């Protein structure tokens, strides 16, 4: 029996190594491919700055930024393969019902992330960047470093995109009977406080308008999550 358990552990580790290797190969190939469109993607990320492009403050900052944008493009292209490898690894340990939830939630989470990233790029950045550029512009000359700006933009897009996956996460937890719509609704006021703190951390500016741009969708997403939790419990009866 001990030998079987040890063999099962080795097989598990071998499967993990295989899945990681496939994911790394996909990431490397997609990153190499993304070098072809890294420059147009960089122009897209710089568009919210208008006629005030950032500057490179060190000799290697421009090429470092180009490499980072290419890597971001590679991760984006390779994400379906990476998610597929993760699903193949965890699927044997799930029940048939949990597998059905997984194959629905993963594509849904991808769509939600894309919607959140689009919201950050098309709604938040056009409001936030001009505010930051014009803040104390009468006494401070705004010249942003390209590396800092790209990190700021990509971090904002990532975290807002991630927050848009909240309803699906709540739905999955409700299916597993970890949370319920009644508990979520009862704790709505605490959720709003937590959302306000999260919005303050995500929001790139300190003005109430931009903070409200983040808080509004997050509260709406939480309420959608409450509805999905109710649907999950009703569907499970």
C-alpha atoms as a PDB file:
ATOM      1  CA  UNK A   1       0.000   0.000   0.000  1.00  0.00           C
ATOM      2  CA  UNK A   2       2.828   2.380   0.867  1.00  0.00           C
ATOM      3  CA  UNK A   3       4.451   1.701  -2.512  1.00  0.00           C
ATOM      4  CA  UNK A   4       1.175   2.494  -4.290  1.00  0.00           C
ATOM      5  CA  UNK A   5       0.839   5.767  -2.418  1.00  0.00           C
ATOM      6  CA  UNK A   6       4.464   6.664  -3.213  1.00  0.00           C
ATOM      7  CA  UNK A   7       3.925   5.786  -6.869  1.00  0.00           C
ATOM      8  CA  UNK A   8       0.745   7.851  -6.944  1.00  0.00           C
ATOM      9  CA  UNK A   9       2.673  10.822  -5.531  1.00  0.00           C
ATOM     10  CA  UNK A  10       5.409  10.469  -8.165  1.00  0.00           C
ATOM     11  CA  UNK A  11       2.806  10.264 -10.909  1.00  0.00           C
ATOM     12  CA  UNK A  12       1.175  13.398  -9.532  1.00  0.00           C
ATOM     13  CA  UNK A  13       4.499  15.262  -9.537  1.00  0.00           C
ATOM     14  CA  UNK A  14       5.263  14.014 -13.053  1.00  0.00           C
ATOM     15  CA  UNK A  15       1.886  15.316 -14.244  1.00  0.00           C
ATOM     16  CA  UNK A  16       2.599  18.680 -12.600  1.00  0.00           C
ATOM     17  CA  UNK A  17       5.985  18.856 -14.329  1.00  0.00           C
ATOM     18  CA  UNK A  18       4.399  18.060 -17.697  1.00  0.00           C
ATOM     19  CA  UNK A  19       1.709  20.704 -17.316  1.00  0.00           C
ATOM     20  CA  UNK A  20       4.229  23.338 -16.183  1.00  0.00           C
ATOM     21  CA  UNK A  21       6.518  22.496 -19.108  1.00  0.00           C
ATOM     22  CA  UNK A  22       3.680  22.861 -21.611  1.00  0.00           C
ATOM     23  CA  UNK A  23       2.656  26.186 -20.077  1.00  0.00           C
ATOM     24  CA  UNK A  24       6.241  27.508 -20.122  1.00  0.00           C
ATOM     25  CA  UNK A  25       6.738  26.465 -23.763  1.00  0.00           C
ATOM     26  CA  UNK A  26       3.469  28.188 -24.743  1.00  0.00           C
ATOM     27  CA  UNK A  27       4.509  31.329 -22.856  1.00  0.00           C
ATOM     28  CA  UNK A  28       7.943  31.393 -24.521  1.00  0.00           C
ATOM     29  CA  UNK A  29       6.539  30.913 -28.039  1.00  0.00           C
ATOM     30  CA  UNK A  30       3.779  33.503 -27.539  1.00  0.00           C
ATOM     31  CA  UNK A  31       6.268  36.005 -26.107  1.00  0.00           C
ATOM     32  CA  UNK A  32       8.488  35.592 -29.159  1.00  0.00           C
ATOM     33  CA  UNK A  33       5.428  36.086 -31.366  1.00  0.00           C
ATOM     34  CA  UNK A  34       4.349  39.174 -29.428  1.00  0.00           C
ATOM     35  CA  UNK A  35       7.594  40.979 -30.331  1.00  0.00           C
ATOM     36  CA  UNK A  36       5.962  41.554 -33.734  1.00  0.00           C
ATOM     37  CA  UNK A  37       3.188  43.718 -32.253  1.00  0.00           C
ATOM     38  CA  UNK A  38       4.845  45.013 -29.060  1.00  0.00           C
ATOM     39  CA  UNK A  39       5.335  48.477 -30.582  1.00  0.00           C
ATOM     40  CA  UNK A  40       1.640  48.918 -31.616  1.00  0.00           C
ATOM     41  CA  UNK A  41       0.612  47.627 -28.168  1.00  0.00           C
ATOM     42  CA  UNK A  42       2.927  50.161 -26.554  1.00  0.00           C
ATOM     43  CA  UNK A  43       1.313  52.934 -28.626  1.00  0.00           C
ATOM     44  CA  UNK A  44      -2.081  51.730 -27.420  1.00  0.00           C
ATOM     45  CA  UNK A  45      -0.986  51.913 -23.781  1.00  0.00           C
ATOM     46  CA  UNK A  46       0.454  55.406 -24.321  1.00  0.00           C
ATOM     47  CA  UNK A  47      -2.693  56.735 -26.030  1.00  0.00           C
ATOM     48  CA  UNK A  48      -4.326  58.057 -22.797  1.00  0.00           C
ATOM     49  CA  UNK A  49      -1.392  60.470 -22.390  1.00  0.00           C
ATOM     50  CA  UNK A  50      -2.343  62.368 -25.551  1.00  0.00           C
ATOM     51  CA  UNK A  51       0.329  64.831 -26.671  1.00  0.00           C
ATOM     52  CA  UNK A  52       2.443  64.402 -23.516  1.00  0.00           C
ATOM     53  CA  UNK A  53       4.352  61.136 -24.002  1.00  0.00           C
ATOM     54  CA  UNK A  54       6.529  59.856 -21.149  1.00  0.00           C
ATOM     55  CA  UNK A  55      10.317  59.985 -21.223  1.00  0.00           C
ATOM     56  CA  UNK A  56      13.060  57.399 -20.703  1.00  0.00           C
ATOM     57  CA  UNK A  57      15.232  58.411 -17.745  1.00  0.00           C
ATOM     58  CA  UNK A  58      17.901  55.729 -18.139  1.00  0.00           C
ATOM     59  CA  UNK A  59      19.712  54.322 -21.215  1.00  0.00           C
ATOM     60  CA  UNK A  60      18.009  50.916 -20.876  1.00  0.00           C
ATOM     61  CA  UNK A  61      14.537  52.035 -19.783  1.00  0.00           C
ATOM     62  CA  UNK A  62      13.088  52.118 -23.308  1.00  0.00           C
ATOM     63  CA  UNK A  63      14.279  48.617 -24.252  1.00  0.00           C
ATOM     64  CA  UNK A  64      13.258  47.307 -20.824  1.00  0.00           C
ATOM     65  CA  UNK A  65       9.771  48.715 -21.322  1.00  0.00           C
ATOM     66  CA  UNK A  66       9.588  47.181 -24.805  1.00  0.00           C
ATOM     67  CA  UNK A  67      10.541  43.769 -23.376  1.00  0.00           C
ATOM     68  CA  UNK A  68       7.948  44.110 -20.616  1.00  0.00           C
ATOM     69  CA  UNK A  69       5.187  44.958 -23.087  1.00  0.00           C
ATOM     70  CA  UNK A  70       6.211  41.977 -25.241  1.00  0.00           C
ATOM     71  CA  UNK A  71       6.030  39.728 -22.170  1.00  0.00           C
ATOM     72  CA  UNK A  72       2.574  41.089 -21.301  1.00  0.00           C
ATOM     73  CA  UNK A  73       1.455  40.319 -24.855  1.00  0.00           C
ATOM     74  CA  UNK A  74       2.938  36.839 -24.574  1.00  0.00           C
ATOM     75  CA  UNK A  75       1.151  36.125 -21.301  1.00  0.00           C
ATOM     76  CA  UNK A  76      -2.119  37.330 -22.820  1.00  0.00           C
ATOM     77  CA  UNK A  77      -1.747  35.111 -25.890  1.00  0.00           C
ATOM     78  CA  UNK A  78      -0.634  32.101 -23.858  1.00  0.00           C
ATOM     79  CA  UNK A  79      -3.347  32.461 -21.207  1.00  0.00           C
ATOM     80  CA  UNK A  80      -5.812  30.015 -22.870  1.00  0.00           C
ATOM     81  CA  UNK A  81      -3.090  27.354 -22.984  1.00  0.00           C
ATOM     82  CA  UNK A  82      -2.030  28.079 -19.399  1.00  0.00           C
ATOM     83  CA  UNK A  83      -5.620  27.877 -18.159  1.00  0.00           C
ATOM     84  CA  UNK A  84      -6.122  24.640 -20.112  1.00  0.00           C
ATOM     85  CA  UNK A  85      -3.037  23.103 -18.479  1.00  0.00           C
ATOM     86  CA  UNK A  86      -4.275  24.121 -15.026  1.00  0.00           C
ATOM     87  CA  UNK A  87      -7.681  22.597 -15.755  1.00  0.00           C
ATOM     88  CA  UNK A  88      -6.097  19.345 -16.974  1.00  0.00           C
ATOM     89  CA  UNK A  89      -4.043  19.172 -13.774  1.00  0.00           C
ATOM     90  CA  UNK A  90      -6.862  19.784 -11.279  1.00  0.00           C
ATOM     91  CA  UNK A  91      -9.654  17.980 -13.171  1.00  0.00           C
ATOM     92  CA  UNK A  92      -8.798  14.432 -11.945  1.00  0.00           C
ATOM     93  CA  UNK A  93      -9.336  15.509  -8.344  1.00  0.00           C
ATOM     94  CA  UNK A  94     -12.794  16.987  -8.947  1.00  0.00           C
ATOM     95  CA  UNK A  95     -16.208  15.365  -8.938  1.00  0.00           C
ATOM     96  CA  UNK A  96     -18.127  15.240 -12.258  1.00  0.00           C
ATOM     97  CA  UNK A  97     -20.385  18.064 -11.052  1.00  0.00           C
ATOM     98  CA  UNK A  98     -17.414  20.251 -10.044  1.00  0.00           C
ATOM     99  CA  UNK A  99     -15.824  19.593 -13.456  1.00  0.00           C
ATOM    100  CA  UNK A 100     -18.943  20.952 -15.173  1.00  0.00           C
ATOM    101  CA  UNK A 101     -18.754  24.109 -13.052  1.00  0.00           C
ATOM    102  CA  UNK A 102     -15.058  24.495 -13.863  1.00  0.00           C
ATOM    103  CA  UNK A 103     -15.518  24.273 -17.631  1.00  0.00           C
ATOM    104  CA  UNK A 104     -18.223  26.960 -17.425  1.00  0.00           C
ATOM    105  CA  UNK A 105     -16.513  29.290 -14.971  1.00  0.00           C
ATOM    106  CA  UNK A 106     -13.092  29.419 -16.654  1.00  0.00           C
ATOM    107  CA  UNK A 107     -14.360  30.815 -20.008  1.00  0.00           C
ATOM    108  CA  UNK A 108     -16.740  33.080 -18.100  1.00  0.00           C
ATOM    109  CA  UNK A 109     -13.894  34.380 -15.948  1.00  0.00           C
ATOM    110  CA  UNK A 110     -11.895  35.152 -19.086  1.00  0.00           C
ATOM    111  CA  UNK A 111     -14.776  37.160 -20.537  1.00  0.00           C
ATOM    112  CA  UNK A 112     -15.263  39.028 -17.240  1.00  0.00           C
ATOM    113  CA  UNK A 113     -11.554  39.840 -17.072  1.00  0.00           C
ATOM    114  CA  UNK A 114     -11.600  41.233 -20.623  1.00  0.00           C
ATOM    115  CA  UNK A 115     -14.646  43.372 -19.763  1.00  0.00           C
ATOM    116  CA  UNK A 116     -12.901  44.687 -16.648  1.00  0.00           C
ATOM    117  CA  UNK A 117      -9.712  45.448 -18.582  1.00  0.00           C
ATOM    118  CA  UNK A 118     -11.758  47.282 -21.231  1.00  0.00           C
ATOM    119  CA  UNK A 119     -13.523  49.281 -18.496  1.00  0.00           C
ATOM    120  CA  UNK A 120     -10.163  50.282 -16.997  1.00  0.00           C
ATOM    121  CA  UNK A 121      -8.722  51.302 -20.371  1.00  0.00           C
ATOM    122  CA  UNK A 122     -11.690  53.053 -21.958  1.00  0.00           C
ATOM    123  CA  UNK A 123     -13.360  54.573 -18.862  1.00  0.00           C
ATOM    124  CA  UNK A 124     -10.907  54.893 -15.978  1.00  0.00           C
ATOM    125  CA  UNK A 125      -7.675  55.841 -17.726  1.00  0.00           C
ATOM    126  CA  UNK A 126      -9.188  58.664 -19.850  1.00  0.00           C
ATOM    127  CA  UNK A 127     -10.542  60.152 -16.607  1.00  0.00           C
ATOM    128  CA  UNK A 128      -7.517  59.507 -14.401  1.00  0.00           C
ATOM    129  CA  UNK A 129      -4.575  60.409 -16.646  1.00  0.00           C
ATOM    130  CA  UNK A 130      -5.677  63.995 -17.494  1.00  0.00           C
ATOM    131  CA  UNK A 131      -6.435  64.611 -13.813  1.00  0.00           C
ATOM    132  CA  UNK A 132      -2.965  63.466 -12.809  1.00  0.00           C
ATOM    133  CA  UNK A 133      -1.312  65.426 -15.639  1.00  0.00           C
ATOM    134  CA  UNK A 134      -3.047  68.662 -14.673  1.00  0.00           C
ATOM    135  CA  UNK A 135      -2.727  68.304 -10.893  1.00  0.00           C
ATOM    136  CA  UNK A 136      -0.605  71.255  -9.661  1.00  0.00           C
ATOM    137  CA  UNK A 137       0.502  71.800 -13.255  1.00  0.00           C
ATOM    138  CA  UNK A 138       0.917  75.524 -12.538  1.00  0.00           C
ATOM    139  CA  UNK A 139       3.853  74.833 -10.208  1.00  0.00           C
ATOM    140  CA  UNK A 140       4.995  71.312 -11.199  1.00  0.00           C
ATOM    141  CA  UNK A 141       6.138  70.243 -14.651  1.00  0.00           C
ATOM    142  CA  UNK A 142       4.752  66.763 -15.329  1.00  0.00           C
ATOM    143  CA  UNK A 143       7.265  64.435 -17.011  1.00  0.00           C
ATOM    144  CA  UNK A 144       6.545  60.768 -16.380  1.00  0.00           C
ATOM    145  CA  UNK A 145       9.054  57.967 -16.754  1.00  0.00           C
ATOM    146  CA  UNK A 146       7.986  55.414 -19.358  1.00  0.00           C
ATOM    147  CA  UNK A 147       8.706  52.439 -17.075  1.00  0.00           C
ATOM    148  CA  UNK A 148       6.672  53.851 -14.188  1.00  0.00           C
ATOM    149  CA  UNK A 149       3.786  54.775 -16.483  1.00  0.00           C
ATOM    150  CA  UNK A 150       3.563  51.327 -18.111  1.00  0.00           C
ATOM    151  CA  UNK A 151       3.648  49.671 -14.682  1.00  0.00           C
ATOM    152  CA  UNK A 152       0.891  52.022 -13.496  1.00  0.00           C
ATOM    153  CA  UNK A 153      -1.331  51.303 -16.524  1.00  0.00           C
ATOM    154  CA  UNK A 154      -0.835  47.532 -16.597  1.00  0.00           C
ATOM    155  CA  UNK A 155      -1.347  47.199 -12.823  1.00  0.00           C
ATOM    156  CA  UNK A 156      -4.581  49.183 -13.022  1.00  0.00           C
ATOM    157  CA  UNK A 157      -5.901  47.145 -15.960  1.00  0.00           C
ATOM    158  CA  UNK A 158      -4.964  43.874 -14.250  1.00  0.00           C
ATOM    159  CA  UNK A 159      -6.568  44.596 -10.869  1.00  0.00           C
ATOM    160  CA  UNK A 160      -9.749  46.061 -12.329  1.00  0.00           C
ATOM    161  CA  UNK A 161     -10.005  43.095 -14.706  1.00  0.00           C
ATOM    162  CA  UNK A 162      -9.522  40.734 -11.771  1.00  0.00           C
ATOM    163  CA  UNK A 163     -12.210  42.477  -9.722  1.00  0.00           C
ATOM    164  CA  UNK A 164     -14.727  41.934 -12.530  1.00  0.00           C
ATOM    165  CA  UNK A 165     -14.466  38.193 -11.896  1.00  0.00           C
ATOM    166  CA  UNK A 166     -16.090  38.601  -8.461  1.00  0.00           C
ATOM    167  CA  UNK A 167     -19.617  37.447  -9.506  1.00  0.00           C
ATOM    168  CA  UNK A 168     -18.337  34.181 -10.965  1.00  0.00           C
ATOM    169  CA  UNK A 169     -16.206  33.545  -7.886  1.00  0.00           C
ATOM    170  CA  UNK A 170     -19.252  34.075  -5.677  1.00  0.00           C
ATOM    171  CA  UNK A 171     -21.313  31.758  -7.909  1.00  0.00           C
ATOM    172  CA  UNK A 172     -18.698  28.997  -7.631  1.00  0.00           C
ATOM    173  CA  UNK A 173     -18.448  29.400  -3.837  1.00  0.00           C
ATOM    174  CA  UNK A 174     -22.247  29.273  -3.578  1.00  0.00           C
ATOM    175  CA  UNK A 175     -22.298  26.073  -5.631  1.00  0.00           C
ATOM    176  CA  UNK A 176     -19.845  24.591  -3.152  1.00  0.00           C
ATOM    177  CA  UNK A 177     -22.136  25.839  -0.331  1.00  0.00           C
ATOM    178  CA  UNK A 178     -19.402  28.010   1.169  1.00  0.00           C
ATOM    179  CA  UNK A 179     -21.454  31.217   0.880  1.00  0.00           C
ATOM    180  CA  UNK A 180     -25.142  31.978   0.395  1.00  0.00           C
ATOM    181  CA  UNK A 181     -27.137  34.887  -1.010  1.00  0.00           C
ATOM    182  CA  UNK A 182     -28.717  35.521   2.404  1.00  0.00           C
ATOM    183  CA  UNK A 183     -25.346  35.892   4.132  1.00  0.00           C
ATOM    184  CA  UNK A 184     -24.003  38.094   1.339  1.00  0.00           C
ATOM    185  CA  UNK A 185     -27.048  40.372   1.444  1.00  0.00           C
ATOM    186  CA  UNK A 186     -26.961  40.565   5.246  1.00  0.00           C
ATOM    187  CA  UNK A 187     -23.341  41.729   5.098  1.00  0.00           C
ATOM    188  CA  UNK A 188     -23.873  44.248   2.291  1.00  0.00           C
ATOM    189  CA  UNK A 189     -22.864  47.254   4.405  1.00  0.00           C
ATOM    190  CA  UNK A 190     -19.595  45.579   5.379  1.00  0.00           C
ATOM    191  CA  UNK A 191     -19.031  44.699   1.737  1.00  0.00           C
ATOM    192  CA  UNK A 192     -19.490  48.361   0.769  1.00  0.00           C
ATOM    193  CA  UNK A 193     -16.869  49.379   3.331  1.00  0.00           C
ATOM    194  CA  UNK A 194     -14.475  46.755   1.974  1.00  0.00           C
ATOM    195  CA  UNK A 195     -15.209  47.902  -1.586  1.00  0.00           C
ATOM    196  CA  UNK A 196     -14.475  51.519  -0.604  1.00  0.00           C
ATOM    197  CA  UNK A 197     -11.096  50.466   0.797  1.00  0.00           C
ATOM    198  CA  UNK A 198     -10.366  48.390  -2.299  1.00  0.00           C
ATOM    199  CA  UNK A 199     -11.399  51.262  -4.577  1.00  0.00           C
ATOM    200  CA  UNK A 200      -9.081  53.608  -2.689  1.00  0.00           C
ATOM    201  CA  UNK A 201      -6.209  51.179  -3.281  1.00  0.00           C
ATOM    202  CA  UNK A 202      -7.008  50.626  -6.967  1.00  0.00           C
ATOM    203  CA  UNK A 203      -7.917  54.216  -7.876  1.00  0.00           C
ATOM    204  CA  UNK A 204      -4.869  56.013  -9.266  1.00  0.00           C
ATOM    205  CA  UNK A 205      -6.104  59.422  -8.075  1.00  0.00           C
ATOM    206  CA  UNK A 206      -7.391  60.849  -4.803  1.00  0.00           C
ATOM    207  CA  UNK A 207     -10.471  62.668  -6.113  1.00  0.00           C
ATOM    208  CA  UNK A 208     -13.964  61.339  -5.294  1.00  0.00           C
ATOM    209  CA  UNK A 209     -15.020  61.192  -8.958  1.00  0.00           C
ATOM    210  CA  UNK A 210     -12.409  58.622  -9.992  1.00  0.00           C
ATOM    211  CA  UNK A 211     -12.949  56.664  -6.783  1.00  0.00           C
ATOM    212  CA  UNK A 212     -16.673  56.540  -7.563  1.00  0.00           C
ATOM    213  CA  UNK A 213     -15.820  55.210 -11.046  1.00  0.00           C
ATOM    214  CA  UNK A 214     -14.313  52.179  -9.323  1.00  0.00           C
ATOM    215  CA  UNK A 215     -16.768  51.833  -6.433  1.00  0.00           C
ATOM    216  CA  UNK A 216     -19.902  51.900  -8.589  1.00  0.00           C
ATOM    217  CA  UNK A 217     -19.036  48.883 -10.760  1.00  0.00           C
ATOM    218  CA  UNK A 218     -17.632  46.949  -7.777  1.00  0.00           C
ATOM    219  CA  UNK A 219     -20.864  47.381  -5.816  1.00  0.00           C
ATOM    220  CA  UNK A 220     -22.870  46.392  -8.891  1.00  0.00           C
ATOM    221  CA  UNK A 221     -20.660  43.310  -9.326  1.00  0.00           C
ATOM    222  CA  UNK A 222     -21.208  42.350  -5.698  1.00  0.00           C
ATOM    223  CA  UNK A 223     -24.986  42.625  -6.120  1.00  0.00           C
ATOM    224  CA  UNK A 224     -24.784  40.534  -9.298  1.00  0.00           C
ATOM    225  CA  UNK A 225     -22.824  38.023  -7.240  1.00  0.00           C
ATOM    226  CA  UNK A 226     -25.628  37.936  -4.660  1.00  0.00           C
ATOM    227  CA  UNK A 227     -28.138  37.157  -7.414  1.00  0.00           C
ATOM    228  CA  UNK A 228     -25.877  34.461  -8.858  1.00  0.00           C
ATOM    229  CA  UNK A 229     -25.433  32.952  -5.384  1.00  0.00           C
ATOM    230  CA  UNK A 230     -29.233  32.741  -5.064  1.00  0.00           C
ATOM    231  CA  UNK A 231     -29.471  31.143  -8.526  1.00  0.00           C
ATOM    232  CA  UNK A 232     -26.699  28.686  -7.625  1.00  0.00           C
ATOM    233  CA  UNK A 233     -28.458  27.556  -4.481  1.00  0.00           C
ATOM    234  CA  UNK A 234     -31.849  27.314  -6.230  1.00  0.00           C
ATOM    235  CA  UNK A 235     -30.299  25.327  -9.062  1.00  0.00           C
ATOM    236  CA  UNK A 236     -28.682  22.966  -6.608  1.00  0.00           C
ATOM    237  CA  UNK A 237     -31.981  21.975  -4.965  1.00  0.00           C
END
